[in-house]
N, C-alpha and C. Protein backbone atom coordinates (compact mmCIF):
# COMPACT_ATOMS: atom_id res chain seq x y z
N MET A 1 122.07 -153.75 -12.57
CA MET A 1 122.29 -152.35 -12.97
C MET A 1 122.47 -151.52 -11.71
N LEU A 2 123.55 -150.77 -11.64
CA LEU A 2 123.86 -149.98 -10.45
C LEU A 2 122.96 -148.75 -10.39
N PRO A 3 122.52 -148.36 -9.17
CA PRO A 3 121.70 -147.15 -9.04
C PRO A 3 122.51 -145.90 -9.35
N ILE A 4 121.82 -144.91 -9.93
CA ILE A 4 122.47 -143.64 -10.26
C ILE A 4 122.53 -142.79 -9.00
N THR A 5 123.69 -142.34 -8.66
CA THR A 5 123.88 -141.50 -7.46
C THR A 5 124.49 -140.17 -7.85
N GLU A 6 124.18 -139.15 -7.03
CA GLU A 6 124.75 -137.83 -7.26
C GLU A 6 126.21 -137.82 -6.87
N PRO A 7 127.02 -137.05 -7.56
CA PRO A 7 128.41 -136.88 -7.14
C PRO A 7 128.45 -136.34 -5.72
N SER A 8 129.47 -136.73 -5.00
CA SER A 8 129.57 -136.32 -3.59
C SER A 8 129.62 -134.81 -3.43
N HIS A 9 130.27 -134.12 -4.38
CA HIS A 9 130.36 -132.66 -4.24
C HIS A 9 129.00 -132.01 -4.45
N ASP A 10 128.14 -132.61 -5.33
CA ASP A 10 126.78 -132.09 -5.51
C ASP A 10 125.94 -132.30 -4.26
N VAL A 11 126.11 -133.46 -3.64
CA VAL A 11 125.38 -133.74 -2.40
C VAL A 11 125.78 -132.74 -1.32
N ALA A 12 127.09 -132.49 -1.22
CA ALA A 12 127.56 -131.53 -0.21
C ALA A 12 127.04 -130.13 -0.50
N ALA A 13 127.02 -129.76 -1.80
CA ALA A 13 126.52 -128.44 -2.18
C ALA A 13 125.04 -128.32 -1.87
N ARG A 14 124.29 -129.40 -2.14
CA ARG A 14 122.85 -129.38 -1.83
C ARG A 14 122.62 -129.25 -0.33
N ASP A 15 123.41 -129.96 0.44
CA ASP A 15 123.27 -129.88 1.90
C ASP A 15 123.56 -128.47 2.40
N ARG A 16 124.62 -127.87 1.85
CA ARG A 16 124.94 -126.49 2.25
C ARG A 16 123.82 -125.54 1.84
N GLY A 17 123.28 -125.78 0.64
CA GLY A 17 122.17 -124.95 0.18
C GLY A 17 120.95 -125.09 1.07
N ASP A 18 120.66 -126.34 1.47
CA ASP A 18 119.53 -126.56 2.37
C ASP A 18 119.73 -125.84 3.70
N THR A 19 120.97 -125.88 4.18
CA THR A 19 121.27 -125.20 5.45
C THR A 19 121.08 -123.69 5.32
N VAL A 20 121.59 -123.14 4.21
CA VAL A 20 121.44 -121.69 3.98
C VAL A 20 119.97 -121.31 3.85
N LEU A 21 119.22 -122.10 3.10
CA LEU A 21 117.80 -121.81 2.91
C LEU A 21 117.03 -121.92 4.22
N ALA A 22 117.39 -122.91 5.03
CA ALA A 22 116.73 -123.04 6.33
C ALA A 22 117.02 -121.83 7.21
N LEU A 23 118.26 -121.35 7.15
CA LEU A 23 118.63 -120.16 7.92
C LEU A 23 117.89 -118.93 7.41
N ILE A 24 117.83 -118.79 6.08
CA ILE A 24 117.10 -117.66 5.49
C ILE A 24 115.63 -117.71 5.88
N ALA A 25 115.05 -118.91 5.83
CA ALA A 25 113.63 -119.06 6.18
C ALA A 25 113.38 -118.69 7.64
N ALA A 26 114.28 -119.13 8.53
CA ALA A 26 114.10 -118.84 9.95
C ALA A 26 114.21 -117.34 10.23
N VAL A 27 115.23 -116.72 9.64
CA VAL A 27 115.42 -115.27 9.85
C VAL A 27 114.26 -114.49 9.23
N SER A 28 113.83 -114.91 8.04
CA SER A 28 112.71 -114.23 7.37
C SER A 28 111.44 -114.32 8.20
N MET A 29 111.21 -115.50 8.79
CA MET A 29 110.01 -115.68 9.62
C MET A 29 110.04 -114.78 10.84
N LEU A 30 111.21 -114.72 11.50
CA LEU A 30 111.34 -113.86 12.68
C LEU A 30 111.19 -112.39 12.30
N ALA A 31 111.83 -112.00 11.20
CA ALA A 31 111.75 -110.61 10.76
C ALA A 31 110.33 -110.24 10.35
N PHE A 32 109.63 -111.18 9.69
CA PHE A 32 108.24 -110.95 9.30
C PHE A 32 107.37 -110.73 10.53
N ALA A 33 107.56 -111.56 11.55
CA ALA A 33 106.77 -111.43 12.78
C ALA A 33 107.06 -110.10 13.47
N TRP A 34 108.34 -109.71 13.51
CA TRP A 34 108.71 -108.45 14.17
C TRP A 34 108.16 -107.25 13.40
N ALA A 35 108.25 -107.29 12.08
CA ALA A 35 107.72 -106.19 11.27
C ALA A 35 106.21 -106.07 11.45
N GLY A 36 105.52 -107.21 11.50
CA GLY A 36 104.08 -107.17 11.72
C GLY A 36 103.73 -106.60 13.08
N PHE A 37 104.49 -106.99 14.10
CA PHE A 37 104.26 -106.46 15.45
C PHE A 37 104.47 -104.96 15.49
N GLN A 38 105.58 -104.50 14.89
CA GLN A 38 105.87 -103.07 14.88
C GLN A 38 104.81 -102.29 14.11
N SER A 39 104.38 -102.84 12.99
CA SER A 39 103.35 -102.17 12.20
C SER A 39 102.06 -102.01 13.00
N ALA A 40 101.67 -103.07 13.71
CA ALA A 40 100.46 -103.01 14.53
C ALA A 40 100.61 -102.01 15.67
N GLU A 41 101.79 -101.97 16.28
CA GLU A 41 102.02 -101.03 17.38
C GLU A 41 101.95 -99.58 16.89
N TRP A 42 102.52 -99.31 15.73
CA TRP A 42 102.51 -97.94 15.21
C TRP A 42 101.13 -97.55 14.71
N ILE A 43 100.37 -98.52 14.23
CA ILE A 43 98.98 -98.21 13.86
C ILE A 43 98.19 -97.83 15.11
N ARG A 44 98.42 -98.56 16.20
CA ARG A 44 97.76 -98.22 17.47
C ARG A 44 98.19 -96.84 17.94
N GLU A 45 99.48 -96.55 17.82
CA GLU A 45 99.99 -95.24 18.22
C GLU A 45 99.38 -94.13 17.36
N ARG A 46 99.20 -94.42 16.09
CA ARG A 46 98.60 -93.42 15.20
C ARG A 46 97.18 -93.07 15.66
N PHE A 47 96.40 -94.08 16.01
CA PHE A 47 95.03 -93.83 16.45
C PHE A 47 95.01 -93.07 17.77
N LEU A 48 95.93 -93.41 18.69
CA LEU A 48 96.00 -92.69 19.96
C LEU A 48 96.33 -91.23 19.74
N LEU A 49 97.32 -90.96 18.90
CA LEU A 49 97.71 -89.58 18.62
C LEU A 49 96.60 -88.83 17.90
N SER A 50 95.92 -89.51 17.00
CA SER A 50 94.81 -88.89 16.28
C SER A 50 93.68 -88.52 17.24
N ASP A 51 93.40 -89.41 18.20
CA ASP A 51 92.36 -89.12 19.20
C ASP A 51 92.75 -87.93 20.06
N ARG A 52 94.03 -87.87 20.47
CA ARG A 52 94.49 -86.75 21.28
C ARG A 52 94.39 -85.44 20.51
N ALA A 53 94.73 -85.49 19.23
CA ALA A 53 94.64 -84.29 18.39
C ALA A 53 93.19 -83.82 18.28
N ALA A 54 92.27 -84.77 18.13
CA ALA A 54 90.85 -84.42 18.02
C ALA A 54 90.33 -83.80 19.32
N VAL A 55 90.74 -84.37 20.46
CA VAL A 55 90.31 -83.84 21.76
C VAL A 55 90.86 -82.43 21.96
N ALA A 56 92.14 -82.23 21.67
CA ALA A 56 92.75 -80.91 21.83
C ALA A 56 92.10 -79.90 20.90
N SER A 57 91.80 -80.31 19.68
CA SER A 57 91.15 -79.41 18.73
C SER A 57 89.75 -79.02 19.21
N GLU A 58 89.02 -80.01 19.73
CA GLU A 58 87.66 -79.73 20.23
C GLU A 58 87.71 -78.77 21.41
N GLN A 59 88.64 -78.98 22.33
CA GLN A 59 88.77 -78.09 23.48
C GLN A 59 89.19 -76.69 23.03
N SER A 60 90.07 -76.62 22.05
CA SER A 60 90.50 -75.32 21.53
C SER A 60 89.33 -74.55 20.93
N LEU A 61 88.50 -75.24 20.17
CA LEU A 61 87.34 -74.59 19.56
C LEU A 61 86.34 -74.13 20.62
N LYS A 62 86.16 -74.94 21.66
CA LYS A 62 85.24 -74.55 22.73
C LYS A 62 85.72 -73.30 23.45
N LEU A 63 87.01 -73.26 23.76
CA LEU A 63 87.56 -72.08 24.44
C LEU A 63 87.49 -70.85 23.54
N ALA A 64 87.76 -71.02 22.26
CA ALA A 64 87.69 -69.90 21.33
C ALA A 64 86.26 -69.38 21.22
N ALA A 65 85.29 -70.30 21.17
CA ALA A 65 83.89 -69.89 21.11
C ALA A 65 83.47 -69.17 22.39
N GLU A 66 83.94 -69.68 23.53
CA GLU A 66 83.63 -69.02 24.81
C GLU A 66 84.24 -67.63 24.87
N ALA A 67 85.47 -67.51 24.39
CA ALA A 67 86.13 -66.20 24.36
C ALA A 67 85.37 -65.24 23.45
N ASP A 68 84.92 -65.72 22.29
CA ASP A 68 84.15 -64.88 21.37
C ASP A 68 82.85 -64.42 22.01
N ARG A 69 82.19 -65.33 22.71
CA ARG A 69 80.91 -64.99 23.34
C ARG A 69 81.11 -63.94 24.43
N PHE A 70 82.11 -64.14 25.28
CA PHE A 70 82.39 -63.18 26.34
C PHE A 70 82.79 -61.83 25.76
N GLU A 71 83.64 -61.88 24.73
CA GLU A 71 84.13 -60.63 24.14
C GLU A 71 83.00 -59.84 23.50
N GLU A 72 82.10 -60.53 22.80
CA GLU A 72 80.97 -59.84 22.18
C GLU A 72 80.08 -59.20 23.23
N ARG A 73 79.79 -59.93 24.30
CA ARG A 73 78.96 -59.39 25.37
C ARG A 73 79.64 -58.21 26.04
N ASP A 74 80.92 -58.38 26.37
CA ASP A 74 81.65 -57.30 27.05
C ASP A 74 81.75 -56.06 26.18
N THR A 75 82.01 -56.27 24.89
CA THR A 75 82.15 -55.12 23.98
C THR A 75 80.85 -54.35 23.86
N ASN A 76 79.75 -55.07 23.66
CA ASN A 76 78.45 -54.40 23.51
C ASN A 76 78.08 -53.61 24.77
N LEU A 77 78.24 -54.25 25.93
CA LEU A 77 77.89 -53.57 27.18
C LEU A 77 78.84 -52.41 27.46
N PHE A 78 80.11 -52.60 27.16
CA PHE A 78 81.09 -51.55 27.42
C PHE A 78 80.81 -50.33 26.54
N VAL A 79 80.44 -50.57 25.28
CA VAL A 79 80.09 -49.46 24.39
C VAL A 79 78.86 -48.73 24.91
N GLU A 80 77.84 -49.48 25.34
CA GLU A 80 76.64 -48.85 25.91
C GLU A 80 76.99 -48.03 27.15
N TRP A 81 77.87 -48.56 27.96
CA TRP A 81 78.29 -47.85 29.18
C TRP A 81 79.03 -46.56 28.83
N LEU A 82 79.93 -46.63 27.84
CA LEU A 82 80.66 -45.44 27.40
C LEU A 82 79.72 -44.39 26.84
N ILE A 83 78.73 -44.83 26.07
CA ILE A 83 77.76 -43.89 25.51
C ILE A 83 76.99 -43.20 26.63
N ALA A 84 76.59 -43.97 27.65
CA ALA A 84 75.86 -43.38 28.77
C ALA A 84 76.73 -42.39 29.54
N ILE A 85 77.99 -42.74 29.75
CA ILE A 85 78.92 -41.84 30.45
C ILE A 85 79.12 -40.57 29.63
N ASP A 86 79.35 -40.74 28.33
CA ASP A 86 79.60 -39.59 27.46
C ASP A 86 78.38 -38.69 27.37
N ALA A 87 77.19 -39.29 27.48
CA ALA A 87 75.95 -38.51 27.40
C ALA A 87 75.58 -37.90 28.75
N GLY A 88 76.37 -38.15 29.77
CA GLY A 88 76.07 -37.61 31.10
C GLY A 88 74.85 -38.24 31.73
N ASN A 89 74.69 -39.54 31.52
CA ASN A 89 73.53 -40.25 32.05
C ASN A 89 74.03 -41.32 33.03
N PRO A 90 74.32 -40.92 34.27
CA PRO A 90 74.90 -41.86 35.24
C PRO A 90 73.97 -43.00 35.62
N GLN A 91 72.66 -42.77 35.61
CA GLN A 91 71.73 -43.84 35.99
C GLN A 91 71.79 -45.00 34.98
N THR A 92 71.75 -44.64 33.70
CA THR A 92 71.85 -45.67 32.67
C THR A 92 73.21 -46.37 32.73
N ALA A 93 74.26 -45.56 32.98
CA ALA A 93 75.60 -46.13 33.09
C ALA A 93 75.67 -47.12 34.24
N GLU A 94 75.01 -46.81 35.35
CA GLU A 94 75.02 -47.71 36.50
C GLU A 94 74.27 -49.01 36.20
N ILE A 95 73.14 -48.89 35.49
CA ILE A 95 72.37 -50.08 35.13
C ILE A 95 73.21 -51.00 34.22
N VAL A 96 73.85 -50.39 33.24
CA VAL A 96 74.69 -51.17 32.32
C VAL A 96 75.87 -51.78 33.07
N PHE A 97 76.44 -51.00 34.00
CA PHE A 97 77.59 -51.49 34.76
C PHE A 97 77.23 -52.75 35.55
N ASP A 98 76.03 -52.79 36.09
CA ASP A 98 75.60 -53.96 36.86
C ASP A 98 75.52 -55.22 36.00
N LEU A 99 75.41 -55.04 34.69
CA LEU A 99 75.35 -56.19 33.78
C LEU A 99 76.73 -56.69 33.37
N PHE A 100 77.76 -55.92 33.75
CA PHE A 100 79.12 -56.32 33.39
C PHE A 100 79.50 -57.63 34.07
N ARG A 101 80.35 -58.40 33.40
CA ARG A 101 80.97 -59.55 34.06
C ARG A 101 82.05 -59.06 35.01
N SER A 102 82.43 -59.90 35.94
CA SER A 102 83.39 -59.50 36.98
C SER A 102 84.69 -58.94 36.43
N PRO A 103 85.33 -59.56 35.41
CA PRO A 103 86.58 -59.00 34.90
C PRO A 103 86.42 -57.59 34.35
N LEU A 104 85.28 -57.32 33.70
CA LEU A 104 85.04 -55.98 33.14
C LEU A 104 84.78 -54.97 34.25
N LYS A 105 84.05 -55.38 35.28
CA LYS A 105 83.82 -54.49 36.42
C LYS A 105 85.14 -54.14 37.10
N GLU A 106 85.99 -55.14 37.28
CA GLU A 106 87.29 -54.91 37.91
C GLU A 106 88.14 -53.96 37.08
N PHE A 107 88.06 -54.09 35.78
CA PHE A 107 88.81 -53.20 34.90
C PHE A 107 88.33 -51.77 35.05
N VAL A 108 87.02 -51.57 35.03
CA VAL A 108 86.46 -50.22 35.14
C VAL A 108 86.80 -49.60 36.49
N ARG A 109 86.82 -50.39 37.55
CA ARG A 109 87.10 -49.86 38.88
C ARG A 109 88.57 -49.46 39.04
N THR A 110 89.46 -50.13 38.34
CA THR A 110 90.89 -49.91 38.57
C THR A 110 91.58 -49.09 37.48
N VAL A 111 90.97 -48.94 36.32
CA VAL A 111 91.63 -48.25 35.22
C VAL A 111 91.65 -46.74 35.45
N ASP A 112 92.66 -46.10 34.92
CA ASP A 112 92.73 -44.64 34.98
C ASP A 112 91.70 -44.05 34.02
N VAL A 113 91.08 -42.93 34.44
CA VAL A 113 90.04 -42.29 33.62
C VAL A 113 90.43 -40.84 33.35
N ASP A 114 89.81 -40.27 32.31
CA ASP A 114 90.05 -38.86 31.99
C ASP A 114 89.07 -37.99 32.74
N GLU A 115 89.04 -36.71 32.36
CA GLU A 115 88.18 -35.78 33.09
C GLU A 115 86.70 -36.08 32.92
N GLN A 116 86.34 -36.82 31.86
CA GLN A 116 84.94 -37.19 31.66
C GLN A 116 84.59 -38.51 32.33
N GLY A 117 85.58 -39.15 32.94
CA GLY A 117 85.34 -40.44 33.58
C GLY A 117 85.46 -41.61 32.64
N LEU A 118 86.05 -41.39 31.46
CA LEU A 118 86.21 -42.46 30.48
C LEU A 118 87.59 -43.11 30.64
N PRO A 119 87.67 -44.42 30.49
CA PRO A 119 88.96 -45.12 30.65
C PRO A 119 90.00 -44.61 29.64
N THR A 120 91.23 -44.51 30.10
CA THR A 120 92.32 -44.08 29.23
C THR A 120 93.06 -45.27 28.60
N GLU A 121 92.69 -46.48 29.00
CA GLU A 121 93.33 -47.69 28.47
C GLU A 121 92.26 -48.64 27.93
N SER A 122 92.70 -49.54 27.08
CA SER A 122 91.81 -50.57 26.56
C SER A 122 91.80 -51.76 27.51
N ILE A 123 90.66 -52.42 27.57
CA ILE A 123 90.57 -53.60 28.43
C ILE A 123 91.53 -54.70 27.96
N TYR A 124 91.90 -54.66 26.68
CA TYR A 124 92.82 -55.67 26.16
C TYR A 124 94.25 -55.47 26.66
N GLU A 125 94.48 -54.33 27.32
CA GLU A 125 95.78 -54.10 27.94
C GLU A 125 95.81 -54.59 29.38
N SER A 126 94.67 -55.06 29.86
CA SER A 126 94.58 -55.55 31.24
C SER A 126 94.97 -57.02 31.29
N VAL A 127 95.93 -57.33 32.13
CA VAL A 127 96.37 -58.73 32.25
C VAL A 127 95.32 -59.58 32.97
N GLU A 128 94.35 -58.94 33.58
CA GLU A 128 93.32 -59.66 34.33
C GLU A 128 92.13 -60.06 33.46
N TYR A 129 92.10 -59.58 32.22
CA TYR A 129 90.95 -59.86 31.37
C TYR A 129 90.96 -61.33 30.96
N ASP A 130 89.94 -62.08 31.38
CA ASP A 130 89.95 -63.53 31.19
C ASP A 130 89.82 -63.96 29.73
N VAL A 131 89.27 -63.09 28.88
CA VAL A 131 89.15 -63.43 27.47
C VAL A 131 90.53 -63.66 26.86
N LEU A 132 91.50 -62.85 27.28
CA LEU A 132 92.87 -63.03 26.78
C LEU A 132 93.43 -64.38 27.21
N ASP A 133 93.15 -64.77 28.46
CA ASP A 133 93.60 -66.08 28.93
C ASP A 133 92.95 -67.21 28.14
N LEU A 134 91.65 -67.05 27.87
CA LEU A 134 90.95 -68.08 27.10
C LEU A 134 91.54 -68.22 25.70
N ARG A 135 91.88 -67.09 25.11
CA ARG A 135 92.46 -67.15 23.76
C ARG A 135 93.86 -67.78 23.78
N GLU A 136 94.63 -67.48 24.82
CA GLU A 136 95.95 -68.10 24.95
C GLU A 136 95.83 -69.61 25.13
N GLN A 137 94.87 -70.03 25.97
CA GLN A 137 94.66 -71.46 26.17
C GLN A 137 94.20 -72.13 24.88
N SER A 138 93.31 -71.45 24.15
CA SER A 138 92.82 -71.99 22.88
C SER A 138 93.96 -72.13 21.88
N ALA A 139 94.83 -71.12 21.82
CA ALA A 139 95.97 -71.18 20.89
C ALA A 139 96.93 -72.30 21.27
N ALA A 140 97.16 -72.47 22.59
CA ALA A 140 98.05 -73.54 23.05
C ALA A 140 97.49 -74.92 22.69
N LEU A 141 96.19 -75.09 22.87
CA LEU A 141 95.56 -76.37 22.52
C LEU A 141 95.57 -76.60 21.01
N ASP A 142 95.43 -75.52 20.25
CA ASP A 142 95.49 -75.65 18.80
C ASP A 142 96.88 -76.09 18.35
N ARG A 143 97.91 -75.52 18.99
CA ARG A 143 99.28 -75.95 18.67
C ARG A 143 99.49 -77.41 19.06
N GLU A 144 98.95 -77.79 20.22
CA GLU A 144 99.06 -79.19 20.65
C GLU A 144 98.37 -80.12 19.66
N SER A 145 97.19 -79.70 19.19
CA SER A 145 96.46 -80.51 18.22
C SER A 145 97.26 -80.70 16.93
N ASN A 146 97.88 -79.61 16.48
CA ASN A 146 98.69 -79.70 15.26
C ASN A 146 99.89 -80.62 15.46
N GLU A 147 100.52 -80.53 16.64
CA GLU A 147 101.67 -81.39 16.93
C GLU A 147 101.25 -82.86 16.97
N GLN A 148 100.11 -83.12 17.62
CA GLN A 148 99.63 -84.51 17.70
C GLN A 148 99.24 -85.04 16.32
N SER A 149 98.65 -84.17 15.49
CA SER A 149 98.29 -84.59 14.13
C SER A 149 99.53 -84.91 13.32
N SER A 150 100.56 -84.07 13.47
CA SER A 150 101.82 -84.33 12.76
C SER A 150 102.45 -85.64 13.22
N ALA A 151 102.43 -85.88 14.54
CA ALA A 151 102.97 -87.13 15.07
C ALA A 151 102.15 -88.32 14.60
N SER A 152 100.84 -88.14 14.46
CA SER A 152 99.97 -89.22 13.99
C SER A 152 100.31 -89.58 12.54
N ARG A 153 100.55 -88.55 11.72
CA ARG A 153 100.92 -88.82 10.33
C ARG A 153 102.26 -89.55 10.25
N LYS A 154 103.20 -89.15 11.10
CA LYS A 154 104.50 -89.82 11.11
C LYS A 154 104.35 -91.28 11.55
N ALA A 155 103.51 -91.51 12.57
CA ALA A 155 103.27 -92.89 13.02
C ALA A 155 102.65 -93.72 11.91
N SER A 156 101.77 -93.10 11.12
CA SER A 156 101.16 -93.82 9.99
C SER A 156 102.22 -94.19 8.95
N ASP A 157 103.16 -93.26 8.71
CA ASP A 157 104.24 -93.55 7.75
C ASP A 157 105.13 -94.69 8.24
N ILE A 158 105.42 -94.68 9.55
CA ILE A 158 106.26 -95.74 10.11
C ILE A 158 105.55 -97.09 10.03
N ALA A 159 104.25 -97.09 10.34
CA ALA A 159 103.47 -98.33 10.24
C ALA A 159 103.48 -98.86 8.81
N ALA A 160 103.35 -97.94 7.85
CA ALA A 160 103.39 -98.36 6.44
C ALA A 160 104.76 -98.92 6.07
N ARG A 161 105.82 -98.29 6.62
CA ARG A 161 107.17 -98.79 6.33
C ARG A 161 107.33 -100.22 6.85
N TYR A 162 106.91 -100.46 8.09
CA TYR A 162 107.01 -101.82 8.63
C TYR A 162 106.12 -102.80 7.87
N GLY A 163 104.96 -102.31 7.43
CA GLY A 163 104.08 -103.18 6.64
C GLY A 163 104.74 -103.59 5.33
N GLY A 164 105.41 -102.62 4.67
CA GLY A 164 106.13 -102.94 3.44
C GLY A 164 107.27 -103.91 3.68
N LEU A 165 107.98 -103.72 4.80
CA LEU A 165 109.06 -104.65 5.13
C LEU A 165 108.52 -106.05 5.40
N GLY A 166 107.34 -106.11 6.02
CA GLY A 166 106.72 -107.41 6.26
C GLY A 166 106.45 -108.15 4.96
N ILE A 167 105.99 -107.41 3.95
CA ILE A 167 105.76 -108.03 2.64
C ILE A 167 107.07 -108.54 2.04
N LEU A 168 108.14 -107.74 2.21
CA LEU A 168 109.45 -108.15 1.68
C LEU A 168 109.94 -109.43 2.37
N PHE A 169 109.78 -109.48 3.70
CA PHE A 169 110.21 -110.68 4.42
C PHE A 169 109.37 -111.89 4.06
N ALA A 170 108.08 -111.66 3.81
CA ALA A 170 107.21 -112.76 3.38
C ALA A 170 107.66 -113.29 2.02
N ALA A 171 108.08 -112.36 1.14
CA ALA A 171 108.57 -112.79 -0.17
C ALA A 171 109.86 -113.60 -0.03
N ALA A 172 110.74 -113.16 0.88
CA ALA A 172 111.99 -113.91 1.10
C ALA A 172 111.69 -115.30 1.66
N LEU A 173 110.70 -115.37 2.56
CA LEU A 173 110.32 -116.66 3.14
C LEU A 173 109.76 -117.59 2.08
N ALA A 174 108.90 -117.05 1.21
CA ALA A 174 108.32 -117.87 0.15
C ALA A 174 109.39 -118.31 -0.85
N SER A 175 110.30 -117.39 -1.16
CA SER A 175 111.37 -117.72 -2.11
C SER A 175 112.29 -118.82 -1.58
N SER A 176 112.55 -118.77 -0.27
CA SER A 176 113.40 -119.81 0.31
C SER A 176 112.73 -121.18 0.25
N GLY A 177 111.41 -121.20 0.34
CA GLY A 177 110.70 -122.47 0.23
C GLY A 177 110.67 -122.99 -1.19
N VAL A 178 110.48 -122.06 -2.15
CA VAL A 178 110.44 -122.46 -3.56
C VAL A 178 111.80 -122.98 -4.02
N ALA A 179 112.87 -122.35 -3.50
CA ALA A 179 114.22 -122.72 -3.95
C ALA A 179 114.56 -124.18 -3.67
N THR A 180 113.97 -124.75 -2.64
CA THR A 180 114.29 -126.15 -2.29
C THR A 180 113.79 -127.14 -3.34
N ARG A 181 112.92 -126.71 -4.22
CA ARG A 181 112.34 -127.62 -5.21
C ARG A 181 113.18 -127.70 -6.48
N PHE A 182 114.19 -126.87 -6.57
CA PHE A 182 114.98 -126.83 -7.80
C PHE A 182 116.36 -127.43 -7.59
N GLY A 183 116.99 -127.72 -8.71
CA GLY A 183 118.35 -128.23 -8.67
C GLY A 183 119.35 -127.14 -8.38
N LEU A 184 120.61 -127.55 -8.31
CA LEU A 184 121.66 -126.62 -7.91
C LEU A 184 121.77 -125.44 -8.86
N ARG A 185 121.59 -125.68 -10.16
CA ARG A 185 121.78 -124.61 -11.13
C ARG A 185 120.78 -123.47 -10.92
N VAL A 186 119.54 -123.80 -10.60
CA VAL A 186 118.51 -122.78 -10.35
C VAL A 186 118.55 -122.31 -8.90
N ARG A 187 118.92 -123.22 -8.02
CA ARG A 187 118.88 -122.90 -6.59
C ARG A 187 119.88 -121.80 -6.22
N ARG A 188 121.06 -121.84 -6.80
CA ARG A 188 122.09 -120.88 -6.41
C ARG A 188 121.65 -119.43 -6.64
N PRO A 189 121.18 -119.08 -7.85
CA PRO A 189 120.73 -117.69 -8.03
C PRO A 189 119.54 -117.33 -7.15
N LEU A 190 118.65 -118.30 -6.91
CA LEU A 190 117.52 -118.04 -6.01
C LEU A 190 118.00 -117.74 -4.60
N ILE A 191 118.99 -118.48 -4.15
CA ILE A 191 119.54 -118.23 -2.81
C ILE A 191 120.15 -116.84 -2.74
N ILE A 192 120.89 -116.48 -3.80
CA ILE A 192 121.53 -115.15 -3.81
C ILE A 192 120.48 -114.04 -3.78
N VAL A 193 119.46 -114.17 -4.63
CA VAL A 193 118.40 -113.15 -4.68
C VAL A 193 117.65 -113.08 -3.35
N THR A 194 117.31 -114.24 -2.81
CA THR A 194 116.58 -114.28 -1.54
C THR A 194 117.40 -113.70 -0.40
N ALA A 195 118.67 -114.07 -0.35
CA ALA A 195 119.55 -113.52 0.68
C ALA A 195 119.69 -112.01 0.53
N GLY A 196 119.73 -111.55 -0.73
CA GLY A 196 119.80 -110.11 -0.98
C GLY A 196 118.56 -109.39 -0.48
N LEU A 197 117.38 -109.95 -0.79
CA LEU A 197 116.12 -109.37 -0.30
C LEU A 197 116.10 -109.30 1.22
N LEU A 198 116.50 -110.38 1.83
CA LEU A 198 116.49 -110.44 3.29
C LEU A 198 117.46 -109.42 3.88
N THR A 199 118.63 -109.30 3.29
CA THR A 199 119.62 -108.34 3.80
C THR A 199 119.12 -106.91 3.68
N VAL A 200 118.57 -106.58 2.52
CA VAL A 200 118.02 -105.23 2.32
C VAL A 200 116.92 -104.95 3.34
N GLY A 201 116.04 -105.92 3.54
CA GLY A 201 114.96 -105.73 4.51
C GLY A 201 115.46 -105.55 5.93
N LEU A 202 116.44 -106.36 6.31
CA LEU A 202 116.98 -106.26 7.68
C LEU A 202 117.67 -104.92 7.90
N VAL A 203 118.42 -104.46 6.90
CA VAL A 203 119.09 -103.16 7.02
C VAL A 203 118.06 -102.04 7.11
N ALA A 204 117.04 -102.10 6.25
CA ALA A 204 115.99 -101.08 6.27
C ALA A 204 115.26 -101.07 7.61
N MET A 205 115.00 -102.24 8.16
CA MET A 205 114.30 -102.31 9.44
C MET A 205 115.19 -101.80 10.57
N ALA A 206 116.49 -102.05 10.47
CA ALA A 206 117.41 -101.61 11.51
C ALA A 206 117.53 -100.09 11.55
N ILE A 207 117.49 -99.44 10.38
CA ILE A 207 117.67 -97.99 10.35
C ILE A 207 116.36 -97.22 10.44
N THR A 208 115.23 -97.92 10.35
CA THR A 208 113.93 -97.23 10.41
C THR A 208 113.76 -96.38 11.66
N PRO A 209 114.06 -96.88 12.87
CA PRO A 209 113.89 -96.04 14.06
C PRO A 209 114.73 -94.77 14.03
N PHE A 210 115.87 -94.80 13.34
CA PHE A 210 116.75 -93.64 13.31
C PHE A 210 116.38 -92.66 12.20
N THR A 211 115.85 -93.19 11.09
CA THR A 211 115.54 -92.32 9.95
C THR A 211 114.13 -91.74 10.02
N MET A 212 113.21 -92.41 10.70
CA MET A 212 111.82 -91.96 10.69
C MET A 212 111.36 -91.39 12.02
N LEU A 213 112.17 -91.49 13.05
CA LEU A 213 111.79 -90.95 14.35
C LEU A 213 112.54 -89.66 14.68
N THR A 214 113.29 -89.15 13.71
CA THR A 214 114.04 -87.92 13.94
C THR A 214 113.35 -86.77 13.24
């Protein structure tokens, strides 16, 4: 009894299918590794940006608190000094003046005064008042913190995108392995579906830097 053999065209088709599946598996494996690497890198970037945002926010709050403390002290002493001047009590005014911080003393020494000796301008109009500088620095750090937080969220989205692509490539890799166990009739549609998954994933991965980093 002669052994049953496959038709030559079926053997050739199976060989071509094996070659295609091997190629799909190799590309899927490389793409899976690259997606995993990119996901890990963007997760690391997210944590770095998040840490920078936290540091900037903490510094901003410290400067704002320092500005509030200086402003409260300066305002209270300045009001007491004005009351003493207005009441014609130079001794009390001198005592209060000695308690002034240097920026406030400099303001009082250089500002224009009226006939009663009271300043004609607000200290907030003085470019030398350090509280204004502290508030500007605090605002700048707050903006930096918001920018870093926004960048951290974007990095998280990119990491998630690469993670999802990694799952897709893993599915393509598994599908290419399963397809080898079936005959030509089942194998052909599996190859088409697997190749389609791989193509979609590769295109998505190729455009990710352009669509998510802009």
